[in-house]
């Protein structure tokens, strides 16, 4: 029997997930461009929590998400 791996569409893997003063944060690395930042989703669900995009650091090429309520259609 041969094992086959299949891709997960629209999958993002966080570089860091941490809780600071009771608030969960996630960070992703991107190409460091504003276009790369804008192309990241505005909201994410991860392990039962909802996160909103809150910042971009062009020096470290990172995009930050914070646990928060976001508006979306289900």
Protein backbone atom coordinates (compact mmCIF):
# COMPACT_ATOMS: atom_id res chain seq x y z
CA UNK A 1 0.00 0.00 0.00
CA UNK A 2 1.28 3.47 -0.90
CA UNK A 3 0.59 6.43 1.38
CA UNK A 4 -0.47 9.65 -0.28
CA UNK A 5 -0.26 13.14 1.14
CA UNK A 6 -2.92 15.63 0.08
CA UNK A 7 -2.68 19.41 0.37
CA UNK A 8 -4.84 21.41 2.76
CA UNK A 9 -6.33 24.33 0.83
CA UNK A 10 -5.88 27.80 2.41
CA UNK A 11 -3.79 26.41 5.26
CA UNK A 12 -1.73 28.85 7.35
CA UNK A 13 0.75 27.64 9.96
CA UNK A 14 1.48 30.17 12.73
CA UNK A 15 5.11 30.79 13.66
CA UNK A 16 4.20 31.73 17.24
CA UNK A 17 1.07 31.27 19.36
CA UNK A 18 1.22 32.75 22.84
CA UNK A 19 -0.90 34.29 25.58
CA UNK A 20 0.14 37.69 26.93
CA UNK A 21 -1.75 39.08 29.92
CA UNK A 22 -4.67 36.75 29.22
CA UNK A 23 -4.95 37.58 25.50
CA UNK A 24 -4.01 35.03 22.82
CA UNK A 25 -1.78 36.19 19.96
CA UNK A 26 -0.54 34.55 16.77
CA UNK A 27 2.26 35.64 14.48
CA UNK A 28 3.04 34.66 10.90
CA UNK A 29 6.02 35.52 8.72
CA UNK A 30 5.48 36.80 5.19
CA UNK A 31 7.54 38.32 2.39
CA UNK A 32 7.80 41.67 4.21
CA UNK A 33 5.85 43.66 1.64
CA UNK A 34 2.68 45.66 2.20
CA UNK A 35 1.02 43.57 -0.53
CA UNK A 36 1.97 40.41 1.37
CA UNK A 37 0.44 41.86 4.53
CA UNK A 38 -2.76 42.90 2.73
CA UNK A 39 -3.13 39.42 1.19
CA UNK A 40 -3.24 37.77 4.63
CA UNK A 41 -6.79 37.07 5.89
CA UNK A 42 -8.39 39.69 8.14
CA UNK A 43 -9.70 37.01 10.47
CA UNK A 44 -8.75 33.45 11.40
CA UNK A 45 -10.20 30.66 13.51
CA UNK A 46 -7.59 28.57 15.32
CA UNK A 47 -8.18 25.91 17.97
CA UNK A 48 -11.63 27.23 18.85
CA UNK A 49 -10.59 30.90 19.06
CA UNK A 50 -11.17 33.76 16.63
CA UNK A 51 -8.33 36.14 15.77
CA UNK A 52 -8.25 39.44 13.93
CA UNK A 53 -5.31 40.88 11.99
CA UNK A 54 -3.92 43.78 13.99
CA UNK A 55 -0.42 44.58 12.82
CA UNK A 56 2.46 44.22 10.42
CA UNK A 57 6.18 44.70 11.01
CA UNK A 58 8.10 45.23 7.77
CA UNK A 59 11.43 44.97 9.61
CA UNK A 60 10.76 41.45 10.94
CA UNK A 61 8.42 40.43 8.06
CA UNK A 62 5.73 39.46 10.55
CA UNK A 63 1.93 39.78 10.69
CA UNK A 64 0.22 39.73 14.09
CA UNK A 65 -3.24 38.48 14.99
CA UNK A 66 -5.02 39.01 18.32
CA UNK A 67 -7.89 37.04 19.80
CA UNK A 68 -10.98 39.19 19.30
CA UNK A 69 -14.52 39.29 18.00
CA UNK A 70 -14.72 39.77 14.24
CA UNK A 71 -17.72 40.22 11.94
CA UNK A 72 -18.22 37.58 9.26
CA UNK A 73 -21.01 35.69 7.55
CA UNK A 74 -21.30 32.02 8.40
